[in-house]
Amino acid sequence: MPPREAELLPGTLDLLILKAVSLGQLHGYGILVRIGQISGDALNIEQGALYPALYRLETKGFLAAEWGVSDNNRRAKFYSLTASGKKRLREETAGWERFAAAMTEALGA
């Protein structure tokens, strides 16, 4: 039985992008693939949502970008995590873990 896709919760896209890029420099499509991999193909991000989020994270200083050539020999923008991006990832991860623990506790009542 194929895994069911999970619905992306508001506010989680930035965290997923930061996590994906923390595992290594990636271009936009590579980030989509990585999110799919690390979520066991449960999360499917639309390109129309990804690119505005990448721009927002770059503008806030959480991602750095440089132009390069992708595996299929196309010009692509590659993203990497900045020091403030690493800090933001730690903070957001801690907040998400607190929220998940509280939800688990509440649902187990």
PDB file of N, CA and C in Angstrom:
ATOM      1  N   MET A   1       0.845  -1.179   0.000  1.00  0.00           N
ATOM      2  CA  MET A   1       0.000   0.000   0.000  1.00  0.00           C
ATOM      3  C   MET A   1       0.890   1.242   0.000  1.00  0.00           C
ATOM      4  N   PRO A   2       0.730   2.178  -0.962  1.00  0.00           N
ATOM      5  CA  PRO A   2       1.578   3.362  -1.012  1.00  0.00           C
ATOM      6  C   PRO A   2       1.301   4.291   0.159  1.00  0.00           C
ATOM      7  N   PRO A   3       2.329   5.004   0.626  1.00  0.00           N
ATOM      8  CA  PRO A   3       2.111   5.919   1.751  1.00  0.00           C
ATOM      9  C   PRO A   3       1.163   7.046   1.347  1.00  0.00           C
ATOM     10  N   ARG A   4       0.345   7.456   2.298  1.00  0.00           N
ATOM     11  CA  ARG A   4      -0.578   8.557   2.035  1.00  0.00           C
ATOM     12  C   ARG A   4       0.158   9.871   2.220  1.00  0.00           C
ATOM     13  N   GLU A   5      -0.174  10.831   1.361  1.00  0.00           N
ATOM     14  CA  GLU A   5       0.414  12.149   1.502  1.00  0.00           C
ATOM     15  C   GLU A   5      -0.195  12.857   2.699  1.00  0.00           C
ATOM     16  N   ALA A   6       0.635  13.572   3.414  1.00  0.00           N
ATOM     17  CA  ALA A   6       0.178  14.366   4.549  1.00  0.00           C
ATOM     18  C   ALA A   6      -0.037  15.799   4.078  1.00  0.00           C
ATOM     19  N   GLU A   7      -0.984  16.462   4.681  1.00  0.00           N
ATOM     20  CA  GLU A   7      -1.249  17.852   4.342  1.00  0.00           C
ATOM     21  C   GLU A   7      -0.234  18.730   5.060  1.00  0.00           C
ATOM     22  N   LEU A   8       0.350  19.654   4.329  1.00  0.00           N
ATOM     23  CA  LEU A   8       1.337  20.558   4.900  1.00  0.00           C
ATOM     24  C   LEU A   8       0.638  21.569   5.805  1.00  0.00           C
ATOM     25  N   LEU A   9       1.089  21.670   7.039  1.00  0.00           N
ATOM     26  CA  LEU A   9       0.497  22.606   7.988  1.00  0.00           C
ATOM     27  C   LEU A   9       1.043  24.014   7.754  1.00  0.00           C
ATOM     28  N   PRO A  10       0.227  25.030   7.988  1.00  0.00           N
ATOM     29  CA  PRO A  10       0.708  26.410   7.830  1.00  0.00           C
ATOM     30  C   PRO A  10       1.952  26.648   8.687  1.00  0.00           C
ATOM     31  N   GLY A  11       2.915  27.322   8.112  1.00  0.00           N
ATOM     32  CA  GLY A  11       4.123  27.671   8.841  1.00  0.00           C
ATOM     33  C   GLY A  11       5.210  26.613   8.848  1.00  0.00           C
ATOM     34  N   THR A  12       4.975  25.469   8.215  1.00  0.00           N
ATOM     35  CA  THR A  12       5.978  24.407   8.248  1.00  0.00           C
ATOM     36  C   THR A  12       6.881  24.380   7.024  1.00  0.00           C
ATOM     37  N   LEU A  13       6.499  25.059   5.940  1.00  0.00           N
ATOM     38  CA  LEU A  13       7.302  25.014   4.718  1.00  0.00           C
ATOM     39  C   LEU A  13       8.704  25.567   4.945  1.00  0.00           C
ATOM     40  N   ASP A  14       8.811  26.702   5.614  1.00  0.00           N
ATOM     41  CA  ASP A  14      10.129  27.289   5.865  1.00  0.00           C
ATOM     42  C   ASP A  14      11.022  26.325   6.640  1.00  0.00           C
ATOM     43  N   LEU A  15      10.465  25.698   7.656  1.00  0.00           N
ATOM     44  CA  LEU A  15      11.225  24.739   8.458  1.00  0.00           C
ATOM     45  C   LEU A  15      11.693  23.567   7.600  1.00  0.00           C
ATOM     46  N   LEU A  16      10.831  23.051   6.748  1.00  0.00           N
ATOM     47  CA  LEU A  16      11.216  21.941   5.869  1.00  0.00           C
ATOM     48  C   LEU A  16      12.316  22.341   4.898  1.00  0.00           C
ATOM     49  N   ILE A  17      12.237  23.540   4.365  1.00  0.00           N
ATOM     50  CA  ILE A  17      13.271  24.026   3.447  1.00  0.00           C
ATOM     51  C   ILE A  17      14.605  24.154   4.177  1.00  0.00           C
ATOM     52  N   LEU A  18      14.581  24.768   5.360  1.00  0.00           N
ATOM     53  CA  LEU A  18      15.816  24.918   6.128  1.00  0.00           C
ATOM     54  C   LEU A  18      16.426  23.557   6.451  1.00  0.00           C
ATOM     55  N   LYS A  19      15.595  22.595   6.818  1.00  0.00           N
ATOM     56  CA  LYS A  19      16.098  21.254   7.118  1.00  0.00           C
ATOM     57  C   LYS A  19      16.702  20.612   5.873  1.00  0.00           C
ATOM     58  N   ALA A  20      16.016  20.706   4.750  1.00  0.00           N
ATOM     59  CA  ALA A  20      16.515  20.099   3.506  1.00  0.00           C
ATOM     60  C   ALA A  20      17.867  20.687   3.122  1.00  0.00           C
ATOM     61  N   VAL A  21      17.992  22.001   3.206  1.00  0.00           N
ATOM     62  CA  VAL A  21      19.238  22.669   2.809  1.00  0.00           C
ATOM     63  C   VAL A  21      20.342  22.420   3.837  1.00  0.00           C
ATOM     64  N   SER A  22      19.970  22.157   5.093  1.00  0.00           N
ATOM     65  CA  SER A  22      20.990  21.885   6.117  1.00  0.00           C
ATOM     66  C   SER A  22      21.758  20.602   5.815  1.00  0.00           C
ATOM     67  N   LEU A  23      21.181  19.739   4.998  1.00  0.00           N
ATOM     68  CA  LEU A  23      21.820  18.471   4.650  1.00  0.00           C
ATOM     69  C   LEU A  23      22.756  18.599   3.459  1.00  0.00           C
ATOM     70  N   GLY A  24      22.833  19.786   2.878  1.00  0.00           N
ATOM     71  CA  GLY A  24      23.739  20.031   1.760  1.00  0.00           C
ATOM     72  C   GLY A  24      23.149  21.029   0.791  1.00  0.00           C
ATOM     73  N   GLN A  25      24.026  21.732   0.091  1.00  0.00           N
ATOM     74  CA  GLN A  25      23.618  22.757  -0.868  1.00  0.00           C
ATOM     75  C   GLN A  25      22.754  22.141  -1.969  1.00  0.00           C
ATOM     76  N   LEU A  26      21.642  22.809  -2.285  1.00  0.00           N
ATOM     77  CA  LEU A  26      20.697  22.291  -3.276  1.00  0.00           C
ATOM     78  C   LEU A  26      20.101  23.411  -4.115  1.00  0.00           C
ATOM     79  N   HIS A  27      19.678  23.068  -5.328  1.00  0.00           N
ATOM     80  CA  HIS A  27      18.884  23.997  -6.134  1.00  0.00           C
ATOM     81  C   HIS A  27      17.404  23.742  -5.830  1.00  0.00           C
ATOM     82  N   GLY A  28      16.535  24.573  -6.352  1.00  0.00           N
ATOM     83  CA  GLY A  28      15.121  24.506  -6.019  1.00  0.00           C
ATOM     84  C   GLY A  28      14.496  23.131  -6.193  1.00  0.00           C
ATOM     85  N   TYR A  29      14.650  22.543  -7.375  1.00  0.00           N
ATOM     86  CA  TYR A  29      14.043  21.236  -7.601  1.00  0.00           C
ATOM     87  C   TYR A  29      14.657  20.194  -6.662  1.00  0.00           C
ATOM     88  N   GLY A  30      15.948  20.311  -6.392  1.00  0.00           N
ATOM     89  CA  GLY A  30      16.605  19.396  -5.461  1.00  0.00           C
ATOM     90  C   GLY A  30      16.015  19.483  -4.066  1.00  0.00           C
ATOM     91  N   ILE A  31      15.584  20.683  -3.676  1.00  0.00           N
ATOM     92  CA  ILE A  31      14.953  20.861  -2.371  1.00  0.00           C
ATOM     93  C   ILE A  31      13.617  20.113  -2.334  1.00  0.00           C
ATOM     94  N   LEU A  32      12.851  20.202  -3.420  1.00  0.00           N
ATOM     95  CA  LEU A  32      11.589  19.460  -3.491  1.00  0.00           C
ATOM     96  C   LEU A  32      11.828  17.962  -3.354  1.00  0.00           C
ATOM     97  N   VAL A  33      12.832  17.465  -4.058  1.00  0.00           N
ATOM     98  CA  VAL A  33      13.159  16.034  -4.004  1.00  0.00           C
ATOM     99  C   VAL A  33      13.603  15.649  -2.598  1.00  0.00           C
ATOM    100  N   ARG A  34      14.470  16.466  -1.989  1.00  0.00           N
ATOM    101  CA  ARG A  34      14.975  16.170  -0.648  1.00  0.00           C
ATOM    102  C   ARG A  34      13.846  16.131   0.376  1.00  0.00           C
ATOM    103  N   ILE A  35      12.917  17.072   0.309  1.00  0.00           N
ATOM    104  CA  ILE A  35      11.789  17.075   1.241  1.00  0.00           C
ATOM    105  C   ILE A  35      10.977  15.801   1.070  1.00  0.00           C
ATOM    106  N   GLY A  36      10.788  15.386  -0.162  1.00  0.00           N
ATOM    107  CA  GLY A  36      10.096  14.127  -0.399  1.00  0.00           C
ATOM    108  C   GLY A  36      10.839  12.960   0.228  1.00  0.00           C
ATOM    109  N   GLN A  37      12.157  12.946   0.067  1.00  0.00           N
ATOM    110  CA  GLN A  37      12.970  11.849   0.612  1.00  0.00           C
ATOM    111  C   GLN A  37      12.911  11.813   2.137  1.00  0.00           C
ATOM    112  N   ILE A  38      13.118  12.952   2.772  1.00  0.00           N
ATOM    113  CA  ILE A  38      13.205  12.951   4.238  1.00  0.00           C
ATOM    114  C   ILE A  38      11.849  12.771   4.897  1.00  0.00           C
ATOM    115  N   SER A  39      10.767  12.951   4.116  1.00  0.00           N
ATOM    116  CA  SER A  39       9.425  12.735   4.684  1.00  0.00           C
ATOM    117  C   SER A  39       8.852  11.386   4.275  1.00  0.00           C
ATOM    118  N   GLY A  40       9.665  10.543   3.664  1.00  0.00           N
ATOM    119  CA  GLY A  40       9.156   9.250   3.211  1.00  0.00           C
ATOM    120  C   GLY A  40       8.087   9.417   2.137  1.00  0.00           C
ATOM    121  N   ASP A  41       8.245  10.440   1.314  1.00  0.00           N
ATOM    122  CA  ASP A  41       7.296  10.771   0.238  1.00  0.00           C
ATOM    123  C   ASP A  41       5.905  11.128   0.753  1.00  0.00           C
ATOM    124  N   ALA A  42       5.814  11.506   2.024  1.00  0.00           N
ATOM    125  CA  ALA A  42       4.516  11.894   2.593  1.00  0.00           C
ATOM    126  C   ALA A  42       4.198  13.364   2.335  1.00  0.00           C
ATOM    127  N   LEU A  43       5.234  14.169   2.045  1.00  0.00           N
ATOM    128  CA  LEU A  43       5.017  15.598   1.815  1.00  0.00           C
ATOM    129  C   LEU A  43       5.379  15.942   0.374  1.00  0.00           C
ATOM    130  N   ASN A  44       4.427  16.538  -0.314  1.00  0.00           N
ATOM    131  CA  ASN A  44       4.622  16.944  -1.696  1.00  0.00           C
ATOM    132  C   ASN A  44       4.438  18.454  -1.767  1.00  0.00           C
ATOM    133  N   ILE A  45       5.518  19.169  -2.032  1.00  0.00           N
ATOM    134  CA  ILE A  45       5.487  20.631  -2.072  1.00  0.00           C
ATOM    135  C   ILE A  45       5.333  21.081  -3.521  1.00  0.00           C
ATOM    136  N   GLU A  46       4.428  21.998  -3.755  1.00  0.00           N
ATOM    137  CA  GLU A  46       4.233  22.556  -5.091  1.00  0.00           C
ATOM    138  C   GLU A  46       5.315  23.595  -5.375  1.00  0.00           C
ATOM    139  N   GLN A  47       5.788  23.621  -6.625  1.00  0.00           N
ATOM    140  CA  GLN A  47       6.802  24.591  -7.001  1.00  0.00           C
ATOM    141  C   GLN A  47       6.309  26.021  -6.797  1.00  0.00           C
ATOM    142  N   GLY A  48       5.018  26.237  -6.986  1.00  0.00           N
ATOM    143  CA  GLY A  48       4.444  27.565  -6.794  1.00  0.00           C
ATOM    144  C   GLY A  48       4.527  28.056  -5.361  1.00  0.00           C
ATOM    145  N   ALA A  49       4.665  27.152  -4.408  1.00  0.00           N
ATOM    146  CA  ALA A  49       4.837  27.530  -3.006  1.00  0.00           C
ATOM    147  C   ALA A  49       6.313  27.604  -2.648  1.00  0.00           C
ATOM    148  N   LEU A  50       7.127  26.765  -3.292  1.00  0.00           N
ATOM    149  CA  LEU A  50       8.543  26.683  -2.936  1.00  0.00           C
ATOM    150  C   LEU A  50       9.305  27.959  -3.254  1.00  0.00           C
ATOM    151  N   TYR A  51       9.195  28.449  -4.470  1.00  0.00           N
ATOM    152  CA  TYR A  51      10.058  29.551  -4.891  1.00  0.00           C
ATOM    153  C   TYR A  51       9.799  30.854  -4.144  1.00  0.00           C
ATOM    154  N   PRO A  52       8.555  31.221  -3.844  1.00  0.00           N
ATOM    155  CA  PRO A  52       8.364  32.404  -2.980  1.00  0.00           C
ATOM    156  C   PRO A  52       8.965  32.203  -1.586  1.00  0.00           C
ATOM    157  N   ALA A  53       8.882  30.985  -1.063  1.00  0.00           N
ATOM    158  CA  ALA A  53       9.458  30.698   0.257  1.00  0.00           C
ATOM    159  C   ALA A  53      10.983  30.808   0.206  1.00  0.00           C
ATOM    160  N   LEU A  54      11.604  30.308  -0.854  1.00  0.00           N
ATOM    161  CA  LEU A  54      13.062  30.435  -0.993  1.00  0.00           C
ATOM    162  C   LEU A  54      13.468  31.898  -1.043  1.00  0.00           C
ATOM    163  N   TYR A  55      12.736  32.694  -1.804  1.00  0.00           N
ATOM    164  CA  TYR A  55      13.024  34.122  -1.895  1.00  0.00           C
ATOM    165  C   TYR A  55      12.903  34.772  -0.518  1.00  0.00           C
ATOM    166  N   ARG A  56      11.836  34.437   0.200  1.00  0.00           N
ATOM    167  CA  ARG A  56      11.604  35.000   1.538  1.00  0.00           C
ATOM    168  C   ARG A  56      12.742  34.628   2.492  1.00  0.00           C
ATOM    169  N   LEU A  57      13.171  33.360   2.484  1.00  0.00           N
ATOM    170  CA  LEU A  57      14.242  32.909   3.372  1.00  0.00           C
ATOM    171  C   LEU A  57      15.583  33.536   3.000  1.00  0.00           C
ATOM    172  N   GLU A  58      15.800  33.735   1.714  1.00  0.00           N
ATOM    173  CA  GLU A  58      17.040  34.397   1.271  1.00  0.00           C
ATOM    174  C   GLU A  58      17.026  35.868   1.689  1.00  0.00           C
ATOM    175  N   THR A  59      15.892  36.525   1.522  1.00  0.00           N
ATOM    176  CA  THR A  59      15.758  37.941   1.888  1.00  0.00           C
ATOM    177  C   THR A  59      15.963  38.147   3.387  1.00  0.00           C
ATOM    178  N   LYS A  60      15.488  37.208   4.198  1.00  0.00           N
ATOM    179  CA  LYS A  60      15.656  37.292   5.652  1.00  0.00           C
ATOM    180  C   LYS A  60      17.061  36.920   6.106  1.00  0.00           C
ATOM    181  N   GLY A  61      17.896  36.437   5.196  1.00  0.00           N
ATOM    182  CA  GLY A  61      19.271  36.091   5.540  1.00  0.00           C
ATOM    183  C   GLY A  61      19.461  34.684   6.063  1.00  0.00           C
ATOM    184  N   PHE A  62      18.443  33.838   5.944  1.00  0.00           N
ATOM    185  CA  PHE A  62      18.554  32.456   6.420  1.00  0.00           C
ATOM    186  C   PHE A  62      19.186  31.530   5.376  1.00  0.00           C
ATOM    187  N   LEU A  63      19.090  31.923   4.112  1.00  0.00           N
ATOM    188  CA  LEU A  63      19.699  31.166   3.018  1.00  0.00           C
ATOM    189  C   LEU A  63      20.616  32.078   2.221  1.00  0.00           C
ATOM    190  N   ALA A  64      21.703  31.509   1.739  1.00  0.00           N
ATOM    191  CA  ALA A  64      22.569  32.190   0.783  1.00  0.00           C
ATOM    192  C   ALA A  64      22.379  31.477  -0.549  1.00  0.00           C
ATOM    193  N   ALA A  65      22.513  32.214  -1.644  1.00  0.00           N
ATOM    194  CA  ALA A  65      22.304  31.610  -2.955  1.00  0.00           C
ATOM    195  C   ALA A  65      23.439  31.992  -3.896  1.00  0.00           C
ATOM    196  N   GLU A  66      23.771  31.057  -4.761  1.00  0.00           N
ATOM    197  CA  GLU A  66      24.757  31.332  -5.815  1.00  0.00           C
ATOM    198  C   GLU A  66      24.367  30.540  -7.054  1.00  0.00           C
ATOM    199  N   TRP A  67      24.697  31.099  -8.198  1.00  0.00           N
ATOM    200  CA  TRP A  67      24.359  30.438  -9.452  1.00  0.00           C
ATOM    201  C   TRP A  67      25.381  29.364  -9.768  1.00  0.00           C
ATOM    202  N   GLY A  68      24.882  28.272 -10.324  1.00  0.00           N
ATOM    203  CA  GLY A  68      25.739  27.166 -10.723  1.00  0.00           C
ATOM    204  C   GLY A  68      25.065  26.375 -11.826  1.00  0.00           C
ATOM    205  N   VAL A  69      25.596  25.193 -12.092  1.00  0.00           N
ATOM    206  CA  VAL A  69      25.063  24.327 -13.142  1.00  0.00           C
ATOM    207  C   VAL A  69      24.541  23.048 -12.490  1.00  0.00           C
ATOM    208  N   SER A  70      23.311  22.681 -12.815  1.00  0.00           N
ATOM    209  CA  SER A  70      22.689  21.487 -12.229  1.00  0.00           C
ATOM    210  C   SER A  70      23.199  20.221 -12.904  1.00  0.00           C
ATOM    211  N   ASP A  71      22.768  19.083 -12.385  1.00  0.00           N
ATOM    212  CA  ASP A  71      23.174  17.789 -12.942  1.00  0.00           C
ATOM    213  C   ASP A  71      22.783  17.627 -14.398  1.00  0.00           C
ATOM    214  N   ASN A  72      21.676  18.256 -14.799  1.00  0.00           N
ATOM    215  CA  ASN A  72      21.251  18.144 -16.191  1.00  0.00           C
ATOM    216  C   ASN A  72      21.773  19.295 -17.044  1.00  0.00           C
ATOM    217  N   ASN A  73      22.852  19.918 -16.571  1.00  0.00           N
ATOM    218  CA  ASN A  73      23.594  20.942 -17.308  1.00  0.00           C
ATOM    219  C   ASN A  73      22.787  22.222 -17.561  1.00  0.00           C
ATOM    220  N   ARG A  74      21.915  22.560 -16.614  1.00  0.00           N
ATOM    221  CA  ARG A  74      21.151  23.802 -16.691  1.00  0.00           C
ATOM    222  C   ARG A  74      21.633  24.766 -15.621  1.00  0.00           C
ATOM    223  N   ARG A  75      21.514  26.040 -15.917  1.00  0.00           N
ATOM    224  CA  ARG A  75      21.857  27.070 -14.936  1.00  0.00           C
ATOM    225  C   ARG A  75      20.811  27.034 -13.827  1.00  0.00           C
ATOM    226  N   ALA A  76      21.274  27.011 -12.583  1.00  0.00           N
ATOM    227  CA  ALA A  76      20.355  26.916 -11.446  1.00  0.00           C
ATOM    228  C   ALA A  76      20.917  27.692 -10.261  1.00  0.00           C
ATOM    229  N   LYS A  77      20.023  28.152  -9.421  1.00  0.00           N
ATOM    230  CA  LYS A  77      20.406  28.844  -8.201  1.00  0.00           C
ATOM    231  C   LYS A  77      20.516  27.804  -7.094  1.00  0.00           C
ATOM    232  N   PHE A  78      21.682  27.738  -6.462  1.00  0.00           N
ATOM    233  CA  PHE A  78      21.928  26.774  -5.387  1.00  0.00           C
ATOM    234  C   PHE A  78      21.872  27.495  -4.048  1.00  0.00           C
ATOM    235  N   TYR A  79      21.184  26.863  -3.100  1.00  0.00           N
ATOM    236  CA  TYR A  79      20.960  27.461  -1.790  1.00  0.00           C
ATOM    237  C   TYR A  79      21.755  26.728  -0.719  1.00  0.00           C
ATOM    238  N   SER A  80      22.269  27.509   0.232  1.00  0.00           N
ATOM    239  CA  SER A  80      22.949  26.931   1.390  1.00  0.00           C
ATOM    240  C   SER A  80      22.489  27.698   2.626  1.00  0.00           C
ATOM    241  N   LEU A  81      22.654  27.061   3.764  1.00  0.00           N
ATOM    242  CA  LEU A  81      22.221  27.636   5.035  1.00  0.00           C
ATOM    243  C   LEU A  81      23.269  28.617   5.551  1.00  0.00           C
ATOM    244  N   THR A  82      22.823  29.774   6.003  1.00  0.00           N
ATOM    245  CA  THR A  82      23.716  30.744   6.636  1.00  0.00           C
ATOM    246  C   THR A  82      23.779  30.440   8.133  1.00  0.00           C
ATOM    247  N   ALA A  83      24.646  31.153   8.846  1.00  0.00           N
ATOM    248  CA  ALA A  83      24.731  30.976  10.302  1.00  0.00           C
ATOM    249  C   ALA A  83      23.391  31.315  10.955  1.00  0.00           C
ATOM    250  N   SER A  84      22.746  32.398  10.497  1.00  0.00           N
ATOM    251  CA  SER A  84      21.446  32.739  11.077  1.00  0.00           C
ATOM    252  C   SER A  84      20.384  31.718  10.655  1.00  0.00           C
ATOM    253  N   GLY A  85      20.548  31.100   9.495  1.00  0.00           N
ATOM    254  CA  GLY A  85      19.643  30.033   9.071  1.00  0.00           C
ATOM    255  C   GLY A  85      19.774  28.804   9.949  1.00  0.00           C
ATOM    256  N   LYS A  86      21.011  28.480  10.347  1.00  0.00           N
ATOM    257  CA  LYS A  86      21.236  27.343  11.252  1.00  0.00           C
ATOM    258  C   LYS A  86      20.587  27.612  12.605  1.00  0.00           C
ATOM    259  N   LYS A  87      20.724  28.845  13.089  1.00  0.00           N
ATOM    260  CA  LYS A  87      20.116  29.218  14.366  1.00  0.00           C
ATOM    261  C   LYS A  87      18.594  29.138  14.264  1.00  0.00           C
ATOM    262  N   ARG A  88      18.050  29.662  13.174  1.00  0.00           N
ATOM    263  CA  ARG A  88      16.594  29.636  12.967  1.00  0.00           C
ATOM    264  C   ARG A  88      16.088  28.191  12.899  1.00  0.00           C
ATOM    265  N   LEU A  89      16.835  27.318  12.227  1.00  0.00           N
ATOM    266  CA  LEU A  89      16.458  25.910  12.138  1.00  0.00           C
ATOM    267  C   LEU A  89      16.406  25.271  13.524  1.00  0.00           C
ATOM    268  N   ARG A  90      17.408  25.546  14.354  1.00  0.00           N
ATOM    269  CA  ARG A  90      17.411  25.004  15.725  1.00  0.00           C
ATOM    270  C   ARG A  90      16.202  25.504  16.512  1.00  0.00           C
ATOM    271  N   GLU A  91      15.919  26.815  16.419  1.00  0.00           N
ATOM    272  CA  GLU A  91      14.795  27.402  17.153  1.00  0.00           C
ATOM    273  C   GLU A  91      13.458  26.831  16.679  1.00  0.00           C
ATOM    274  N   GLU A  92      13.271  26.770  15.373  1.00  0.00           N
ATOM    275  CA  GLU A  92      12.016  26.265  14.814  1.00  0.00           C
ATOM    276  C   GLU A  92      11.834  24.779  15.117  1.00  0.00           C
ATOM    277  N   THR A  93      12.922  24.018  15.071  1.00  0.00           N
ATOM    278  CA  THR A  93      12.852  22.594  15.384  1.00  0.00           C
ATOM    279  C   THR A  93      12.434  22.395  16.841  1.00  0.00           C
ATOM    280  N   ALA A  94      13.025  23.156  17.746  1.00  0.00           N
ATOM    281  CA  ALA A  94      12.675  23.054  19.165  1.00  0.00           C
ATOM    282  C   ALA A  94      11.206  23.409  19.384  1.00  0.00           C
ATOM    283  N   GLY A  95      10.733  24.458  18.727  1.00  0.00           N
ATOM    284  CA  GLY A  95       9.335  24.851  18.856  1.00  0.00           C
ATOM    285  C   GLY A  95       8.396  23.776  18.322  1.00  0.00           C
ATOM    286  N   TRP A  96       8.755  23.204  17.186  1.00  0.00           N
ATOM    287  CA  TRP A  96       7.930  22.145  16.608  1.00  0.00           C
ATOM    288  C   TRP A  96       7.912  20.917  17.514  1.00  0.00           C
ATOM    289  N   GLU A  97       9.036  20.562  18.093  1.00  0.00           N
ATOM    290  CA  GLU A  97       9.096  19.403  18.987  1.00  0.00           C
ATOM    291  C   GLU A  97       8.240  19.621  20.235  1.00  0.00           C
ATOM    292  N   ARG A  98       8.242  20.847  20.766  1.00  0.00           N
ATOM    293  CA  ARG A  98       7.379  21.166  21.918  1.00  0.00           C
ATOM    294  C   ARG A  98       5.909  21.035  21.532  1.00  0.00           C
ATOM    295  N   PHE A  99       5.552  21.552  20.369  1.00  0.00           N
ATOM    296  CA  PHE A  99       4.178  21.490  19.897  1.00  0.00           C
ATOM    297  C   PHE A  99       3.745  20.042  19.668  1.00  0.00           C
ATOM    298  N   ALA A 100       4.597  19.241  19.018  1.00  0.00           N
ATOM    299  CA  ALA A 100       4.265  17.844  18.742  1.00  0.00           C
ATOM    300  C   ALA A 100       4.091  17.056  20.043  1.00  0.00           C
ATOM    301  N   ALA A 101       4.943  17.319  21.025  1.00  0.00           N
ATOM    302  CA  ALA A 101       4.822  16.634  22.310  1.00  0.00           C
ATOM    303  C   ALA A 101       3.511  17.023  23.002  1.00  0.00           C
ATOM    304  N   ALA A 102       3.138  18.289  22.936  1.00  0.00           N
ATOM    305  CA  ALA A 102       1.898  18.745  23.563  1.00  0.00           C
ATOM    306  C   ALA A 102       0.690  18.118  22.859  1.00  0.00           C
ATOM    307  N   MET A 103       0.730  18.025  21.549  1.00  0.00           N
ATOM    308  CA  MET A 103      -0.374  17.416  20.799  1.00  0.00           C
ATOM    309  C   MET A 103      -0.469  15.924  21.110  1.00  0.00           C
ATOM    310  N   THR A 104       0.667  15.251  21.192  1.00  0.00           N
ATOM    311  CA  THR A 104       0.672  13.826  21.525  1.00  0.00           C
ATOM    312  C   THR A 104       0.066  13.618  22.900  1.00  0.00           C
ATOM    313  N   GLU A 105       0.434  14.461  23.837  1.00  0.00           N
ATOM    314  CA  GLU A 105      -0.105  14.381  25.205  1.00  0.00           C
ATOM    315  C   GLU A 105      -1.612  14.625  25.206  1.00  0.00           C
ATOM    316  N   ALA A 106      -2.031  15.654  24.500  1.00  0.00           N
ATOM    317  CA  ALA A 106      -3.456  15.985  24.474  1.00  0.00           C
ATOM    318  C   ALA A 106      -4.280  14.887  23.806  1.00  0.00           C
ATOM    319  N   LEU A 107      -3.792  14.331  22.719  1.00  0.00           N
ATOM    320  CA  LEU A 107      -4.538  13.304  21.998  1.00  0.00           C
ATOM    321  C   LEU A 107      -4.539  11.971  22.737  1.00  0.00           C
ATOM    322  N   GLY A 108      -3.570  11.781  23.612  1.00  0.00           N
ATOM    323  CA  GLY A 108      -3.509  10.551  24.400  1.00  0.00           C
ATOM    324  C   GLY A 108      -4.347  10.615  25.660  1.00  0.00           C
ATOM    325  N   ALA A 109      -4.931  11.758  25.947  1.00  0.00           N
ATOM    326  CA  ALA A 109      -5.729  11.920  27.180  1.00  0.00           C
ATOM    327  C   ALA A 109      -7.020  11.122  27.105  1.00  0.00           C
TER     328      ALA A 109
END
